Each structure stands twice: as structure tokens, then as C-alpha cells.
Amino acid sequence: DGEGLFVDMPSYRSNEVDINGNPVY
């Protein structure tokens, strides 16, 4: 939304999926 910055720690794709079938990081 252009409202500032955030910090994202290093991650990986697990074997899990969310309720929509998308991979969980």
C-alpha cells in the first residue's frame, strides 16, 4: 500500500499448505 517498510526474516517453503492450498513459509 506504499505505507512504509517492514522487515522479512529469511524463510523457506514448508510441506504445509494453508486452507486455500497455498504453500506455508
PDB file of all heavy atoms in Angstrom:
ATOM      1  N   ASP A   1       0.818  -1.218   0.000  1.00  0.00           N
ATOM      2  CA  ASP A   1       0.000   0.000   0.000  1.00  0.00           C
ATOM      3  C   ASP A   1       0.844   1.257   0.000  1.00  0.00           C
ATOM      4  O   ASP A   1       0.319   2.377   0.013  1.00  0.00           O
ATOM      5  CB  ASP A   1      -0.952   0.011   1.196  1.00  0.00           C
ATOM      6  CG  ASP A   1      -0.212  -0.052   2.535  1.00  0.00           C
ATOM      7  OD1 ASP A   1       1.033   0.043   2.540  1.00  0.00           O
ATOM      8  OD2 ASP A   1      -0.885  -0.197   3.573  1.00  0.00           O
ATOM      9  N   GLY A   2       2.188   1.088  -0.039  1.00  0.00           N
ATOM     10  CA  GLY A   2       3.082   2.227  -0.081  1.00  0.00           C
ATOM     11  C   GLY A   2       3.309   2.889   1.260  1.00  0.00           C
ATOM     12  O   GLY A   2       4.021   3.890   1.362  1.00  0.00           O
ATOM     13  N   GLU A   3       2.720   2.324   2.315  1.00  0.00           N
ATOM     14  CA  GLU A   3       2.818   2.921   3.648  1.00  0.00           C
ATOM     15  C   GLU A   3       3.997   2.359   4.437  1.00  0.00           C
ATOM     16  O   GLU A   3       3.838   1.583   5.363  1.00  0.00           O
ATOM     17  CB  GLU A   3       1.509   2.693   4.415  1.00  0.00           C
ATOM     18  CG  GLU A   3       0.297   3.369   3.806  1.00  0.00           C
ATOM     19  CD  GLU A   3       0.409   4.886   3.822  1.00  0.00           C
ATOM     20  OE1 GLU A   3       0.968   5.431   4.799  1.00  0.00           O
ATOM     21  OE2 GLU A   3      -0.044   5.513   2.847  1.00  0.00           O
ATOM     22  N   GLY A   4       5.200   2.720   4.023  1.00  0.00           N
ATOM     23  CA  GLY A   4       6.381   2.367   4.787  1.00  0.00           C
ATOM     24  C   GLY A   4       7.009   1.033   4.423  1.00  0.00           C
ATOM     25  O   GLY A   4       6.696   0.418   3.398  1.00  0.00           O
ATOM     26  N   LEU A   5       7.917   0.586   5.300  1.00  0.00           N
ATOM     27  CA  LEU A   5       8.715  -0.621   5.085  1.00  0.00           C
ATOM     28  C   LEU A   5       8.495  -1.606   6.226  1.00  0.00           C
ATOM     29  O   LEU A   5       8.084  -1.233   7.318  1.00  0.00           O
ATOM     30  CB  LEU A   5      10.200  -0.261   5.015  1.00  0.00           C
ATOM     31  CG  LEU A   5      10.633   0.771   3.978  1.00  0.00           C
ATOM     32  CD1 LEU A   5      12.066   1.216   4.256  1.00  0.00           C
ATOM     33  CD2 LEU A   5      10.517   0.219   2.576  1.00  0.00           C
ATOM     34  N   PHE A   6       8.807  -2.870   5.958  1.00  0.00           N
ATOM     35  CA  PHE A   6       8.825  -3.866   7.023  1.00  0.00           C
ATOM     36  C   PHE A   6       9.998  -4.808   6.804  1.00  0.00           C
ATOM     37  O   PHE A   6      10.589  -4.863   5.719  1.00  0.00           O
ATOM     38  CB  PHE A   6       7.499  -4.637   7.112  1.00  0.00           C
ATOM     39  CG  PHE A   6       7.224  -5.549   5.947  1.00  0.00           C
ATOM     40  CD1 PHE A   6       7.591  -6.890   5.988  1.00  0.00           C
ATOM     41  CD2 PHE A   6       6.577  -5.077   4.810  1.00  0.00           C
ATOM     42  CE1 PHE A   6       7.325  -7.735   4.916  1.00  0.00           C
ATOM     43  CE2 PHE A   6       6.308  -5.912   3.736  1.00  0.00           C
ATOM     44  CZ  PHE A   6       6.680  -7.248   3.800  1.00  0.00           C
ATOM     45  N   VAL A   7      10.338  -5.560   7.857  1.00  0.00           N
ATOM     46  CA  VAL A   7      11.471  -6.484   7.820  1.00  0.00           C
ATOM     47  C   VAL A   7      10.942  -7.907   7.683  1.00  0.00           C
ATOM     48  O   VAL A   7      10.039  -8.323   8.402  1.00  0.00           O
ATOM     49  CB  VAL A   7      12.322  -6.355   9.103  1.00  0.00           C
ATOM     50  CG1 VAL A   7      13.424  -7.417   9.132  1.00  0.00           C
ATOM     51  CG2 VAL A   7      12.925  -4.959   9.194  1.00  0.00           C
ATOM     52  N   ASP A   8      11.513  -8.649   6.736  1.00  0.00           N
ATOM     53  CA  ASP A   8      11.105 -10.028   6.474  1.00  0.00           C
ATOM     54  C   ASP A   8      12.306 -10.941   6.705  1.00  0.00           C
ATOM     55  O   ASP A   8      13.305 -10.868   5.986  1.00  0.00           O
ATOM     56  CB  ASP A   8      10.598 -10.148   5.034  1.00  0.00           C
ATOM     57  CG  ASP A   8       9.901 -11.471   4.766  1.00  0.00           C
ATOM     58  OD1 ASP A   8       9.545 -12.155   5.737  1.00  0.00           O
ATOM     59  OD2 ASP A   8       9.717 -11.813   3.584  1.00  0.00           O
ATOM     60  N   MET A   9      12.211 -11.807   7.706  1.00  0.00           N
ATOM     61  CA  MET A   9      13.311 -12.706   8.031  1.00  0.00           C
ATOM     62  C   MET A   9      13.439 -13.799   6.963  1.00  0.00           C
ATOM     63  O   MET A   9      12.452 -14.133   6.290  1.00  0.00           O
ATOM     64  CB  MET A   9      13.085 -13.347   9.398  1.00  0.00           C
ATOM     65  CG  MET A   9      12.945 -12.350  10.544  1.00  0.00           C
ATOM     66  SD  MET A   9      14.371 -11.231  10.722  1.00  0.00           S
ATOM     67  CE  MET A   9      15.674 -12.387  11.156  1.00  0.00           C
ATOM     68  N   PRO A  10      14.644 -14.363   6.762  1.00  0.00           N
ATOM     69  CA  PRO A  10      14.826 -15.418   5.751  1.00  0.00           C
ATOM     70  C   PRO A  10      13.923 -16.612   6.040  1.00  0.00           C
ATOM     71  O   PRO A  10      13.801 -17.051   7.185  1.00  0.00           O
ATOM     72  CB  PRO A  10      16.307 -15.785   5.864  1.00  0.00           C
ATOM     73  CG  PRO A  10      16.767 -15.210   7.154  1.00  0.00           C
ATOM     74  CD  PRO A  10      15.912 -14.047   7.442  1.00  0.00           C
ATOM     75  N   SER A  11      13.282 -17.138   4.991  1.00  0.00           N
ATOM     76  CA  SER A  11      12.296 -18.204   5.176  1.00  0.00           C
ATOM     77  C   SER A  11      12.391 -19.232   4.056  1.00  0.00           C
ATOM     78  O   SER A  11      13.110 -19.042   3.079  1.00  0.00           O
ATOM     79  CB  SER A  11      10.886 -17.609   5.209  1.00  0.00           C
ATOM     80  OG  SER A  11      10.589 -16.955   3.981  1.00  0.00           O
ATOM     81  N   TYR A  12      11.644 -20.314   4.207  1.00  0.00           N
ATOM     82  CA  TYR A  12      11.604 -21.368   3.201  1.00  0.00           C
ATOM     83  C   TYR A  12      10.192 -21.921   3.111  1.00  0.00           C
ATOM     84  O   TYR A  12       9.366 -21.717   4.014  1.00  0.00           O
ATOM     85  CB  TYR A  12      12.578 -22.501   3.541  1.00  0.00           C
ATOM     86  CG  TYR A  12      12.147 -23.313   4.743  1.00  0.00           C
ATOM     87  CD1 TYR A  12      11.443 -24.508   4.582  1.00  0.00           C
ATOM     88  CD2 TYR A  12      12.425 -22.870   6.022  1.00  0.00           C
ATOM     89  CE1 TYR A  12      11.031 -25.241   5.683  1.00  0.00           C
ATOM     90  CE2 TYR A  12      12.017 -23.596   7.119  1.00  0.00           C
ATOM     91  CZ  TYR A  12      11.318 -24.776   6.948  1.00  0.00           C
ATOM     92  OH  TYR A  12      10.904 -25.481   8.044  1.00  0.00           O
ATOM     93  N   ARG A  13       9.912 -22.599   2.028  1.00  0.00           N
ATOM     94  CA  ARG A  13       8.590 -23.198   1.837  1.00  0.00           C
ATOM     95  C   ARG A  13       8.539 -24.559   2.523  1.00  0.00           C
ATOM     96  O   ARG A  13       9.309 -25.463   2.214  1.00  0.00           O
ATOM     97  CB  ARG A  13       8.279 -23.354   0.349  1.00  0.00           C
ATOM     98  CG  ARG A  13       6.851 -23.824   0.069  1.00  0.00           C
ATOM     99  CD  ARG A  13       6.566 -23.827  -1.413  1.00  0.00           C
ATOM    100  NE  ARG A  13       7.456 -24.730  -2.123  1.00  0.00           N
ATOM    101  CZ  ARG A  13       7.705 -24.644  -3.438  1.00  0.00           C
ATOM    102  NH1 ARG A  13       7.145 -23.699  -4.148  1.00  0.00           N
ATOM    103  NH2 ARG A  13       8.515 -25.514  -4.004  1.00  0.00           N
ATOM    104  N   SER A  14       7.636 -24.718   3.462  1.00  0.00           N
ATOM    105  CA  SER A  14       7.491 -25.979   4.185  1.00  0.00           C
ATOM    106  C   SER A  14       6.605 -26.936   3.387  1.00  0.00           C
ATOM    107  O   SER A  14       6.134 -26.610   2.296  1.00  0.00           O
ATOM    108  CB  SER A  14       6.874 -25.725   5.568  1.00  0.00           C
ATOM    109  OG  SER A  14       5.500 -25.384   5.431  1.00  0.00           O
ATOM    110  N   ASN A  15       6.374 -28.098   3.964  1.00  0.00           N
ATOM    111  CA  ASN A  15       5.495 -29.074   3.330  1.00  0.00           C
ATOM    112  C   ASN A  15       4.020 -28.807   3.617  1.00  0.00           C
ATOM    113  O   ASN A  15       3.152 -29.524   3.132  1.00  0.00           O
ATOM    114  CB  ASN A  15       5.847 -30.488   3.810  1.00  0.00           C
ATOM    115  CG  ASN A  15       7.212 -30.933   3.323  1.00  0.00           C
ATOM    116  OD1 ASN A  15       7.642 -30.543   2.236  1.00  0.00           O
ATOM    117  ND2 ASN A  15       7.910 -31.722   4.120  1.00  0.00           N
ATOM    118  N   GLU A  16       3.752 -27.791   4.412  1.00  0.00           N
ATOM    119  CA  GLU A  16       2.374 -27.481   4.790  1.00  0.00           C
ATOM    120  C   GLU A  16       1.715 -26.547   3.767  1.00  0.00           C
ATOM    121  O   GLU A  16       2.401 -25.829   3.035  1.00  0.00           O
ATOM    122  CB  GLU A  16       2.352 -26.824   6.167  1.00  0.00           C
ATOM    123  CG  GLU A  16       2.928 -27.683   7.279  1.00  0.00           C
ATOM    124  CD  GLU A  16       2.979 -26.934   8.593  1.00  0.00           C
ATOM    125  OE1 GLU A  16       2.258 -25.918   8.729  1.00  0.00           O
ATOM    126  OE2 GLU A  16       3.735 -27.350   9.486  1.00  0.00           O
ATOM    127  N   VAL A  17       0.391 -26.569   3.753  1.00  0.00           N
ATOM    128  CA  VAL A  17      -0.386 -25.644   2.937  1.00  0.00           C
ATOM    129  C   VAL A  17      -1.454 -25.010   3.811  1.00  0.00           C
ATOM    130  O   VAL A  17      -1.880 -25.592   4.814  1.00  0.00           O
ATOM    131  CB  VAL A  17      -1.046 -26.345   1.723  1.00  0.00           C
ATOM    132  CG1 VAL A  17       0.010 -26.855   0.758  1.00  0.00           C
ATOM    133  CG2 VAL A  17      -1.942 -27.483   2.177  1.00  0.00           C
ATOM    134  N   ASP A  18      -1.905 -23.808   3.420  1.00  0.00           N
ATOM    135  CA  ASP A  18      -2.962 -23.155   4.185  1.00  0.00           C
ATOM    136  C   ASP A  18      -4.328 -23.638   3.713  1.00  0.00           C
ATOM    137  O   ASP A  18      -4.430 -24.536   2.864  1.00  0.00           O
ATOM    138  CB  ASP A  18      -2.832 -21.629   4.093  1.00  0.00           C
ATOM    139  CG  ASP A  18      -2.967 -21.101   2.659  1.00  0.00           C
ATOM    140  OD1 ASP A  18      -3.526 -21.818   1.794  1.00  0.00           O
ATOM    141  OD2 ASP A  18      -2.534 -19.977   2.410  1.00  0.00           O
ATOM    142  N   ILE A  19      -5.389 -23.049   4.216  1.00  0.00           N
ATOM    143  CA  ILE A  19      -6.741 -23.507   3.895  1.00  0.00           C
ATOM    144  C   ILE A  19      -7.092 -23.290   2.425  1.00  0.00           C
ATOM    145  O   ILE A  19      -8.029 -23.909   1.906  1.00  0.00           O
ATOM    146  CB  ILE A  19      -7.782 -22.812   4.787  1.00  0.00           C
ATOM    147  CG1 ILE A  19      -7.703 -21.282   4.636  1.00  0.00           C
ATOM    148  CG2 ILE A  19      -7.591 -23.219   6.246  1.00  0.00           C
ATOM    149  CD1 ILE A  19      -8.793 -20.545   5.380  1.00  0.00           C
ATOM    150  N   ASN A  20      -6.330 -22.434   1.752  1.00  0.00           N
ATOM    151  CA  ASN A  20      -6.561 -22.187   0.327  1.00  0.00           C
ATOM    152  C   ASN A  20      -5.643 -23.011  -0.575  1.00  0.00           C
ATOM    153  O   ASN A  20      -5.637 -22.837  -1.791  1.00  0.00           O
ATOM    154  CB  ASN A  20      -6.376 -20.701   0.018  1.00  0.00           C
ATOM    155  CG  ASN A  20      -7.385 -19.832   0.752  1.00  0.00           C
ATOM    156  OD1 ASN A  20      -8.577 -20.151   0.799  1.00  0.00           O
ATOM    157  ND2 ASN A  20      -6.908 -18.738   1.336  1.00  0.00           N
ATOM    158  N   GLY A  21      -4.838 -23.881   0.050  1.00  0.00           N
ATOM    159  CA  GLY A  21      -3.936 -24.724  -0.722  1.00  0.00           C
ATOM    160  C   GLY A  21      -2.625 -24.065  -1.084  1.00  0.00           C
ATOM    161  O   GLY A  21      -1.840 -24.632  -1.850  1.00  0.00           O
ATOM    162  N   ASN A  22      -2.356 -22.880  -0.538  1.00  0.00           N
ATOM    163  CA  ASN A  22      -1.104 -22.183  -0.828  1.00  0.00           C
ATOM    164  C   ASN A  22       0.000 -22.661   0.111  1.00  0.00           C
ATOM    165  O   ASN A  22      -0.272 -23.016   1.268  1.00  0.00           O
ATOM    166  CB  ASN A  22      -1.291 -20.672  -0.659  1.00  0.00           C
ATOM    167  CG  ASN A  22      -2.316 -20.111  -1.619  1.00  0.00           C
ATOM    168  OD1 ASN A  22      -2.318 -20.440  -2.799  1.00  0.00           O
ATOM    169  ND2 ASN A  22      -3.215 -19.273  -1.107  1.00  0.00           N
ATOM    170  N   PRO A  23       1.245 -22.699  -0.366  1.00  0.00           N
ATOM    171  CA  PRO A  23       2.346 -23.162   0.489  1.00  0.00           C
ATOM    172  C   PRO A  23       2.544 -22.252   1.691  1.00  0.00           C
ATOM    173  O   PRO A  23       2.349 -21.037   1.609  1.00  0.00           O
ATOM    174  CB  PRO A  23       3.561 -23.126  -0.448  1.00  0.00           C
ATOM    175  CG  PRO A  23       3.199 -22.164  -1.528  1.00  0.00           C
ATOM    176  CD  PRO A  23       1.715 -22.300  -1.708  1.00  0.00           C
ATOM    177  N   VAL A  24       2.922 -22.854   2.816  1.00  0.00           N
ATOM    178  CA  VAL A  24       3.197 -22.111   4.037  1.00  0.00           C
ATOM    179  C   VAL A  24       4.701 -21.904   4.160  1.00  0.00           C
ATOM    180  O   VAL A  24       5.473 -22.862   4.049  1.00  0.00           O
ATOM    181  CB  VAL A  24       2.675 -22.866   5.275  1.00  0.00           C
ATOM    182  CG1 VAL A  24       3.113 -22.176   6.564  1.00  0.00           C
ATOM    183  CG2 VAL A  24       1.154 -22.983   5.214  1.00  0.00           C
ATOM    184  N   TYR A  25       5.109 -20.651   4.350  1.00  0.00           N
ATOM    185  CA  TYR A  25       6.526 -20.335   4.508  1.00  0.00           C
ATOM    186  C   TYR A  25       6.861 -20.195   5.990  1.00  0.00           C
ATOM    187  O   TYR A  25       6.066 -19.645   6.767  1.00  0.00           O
ATOM    188  CB  TYR A  25       6.871 -19.043   3.769  1.00  0.00           C
ATOM    189  CG  TYR A  25       6.922 -19.222   2.274  1.00  0.00           C
ATOM    190  CD1 TYR A  25       5.747 -19.237   1.514  1.00  0.00           C
ATOM    191  CD2 TYR A  25       8.132 -19.398   1.619  1.00  0.00           C
ATOM    192  CE1 TYR A  25       5.782 -19.430   0.141  1.00  0.00           C
ATOM    193  CE2 TYR A  25       8.181 -19.579   0.246  1.00  0.00           C
ATOM    194  CZ  TYR A  25       7.005 -19.587  -0.483  1.00  0.00           C
ATOM    195  OH  TYR A  25       7.046 -19.778  -1.841  1.00  0.00           O
TER     196      TYR A  25
END
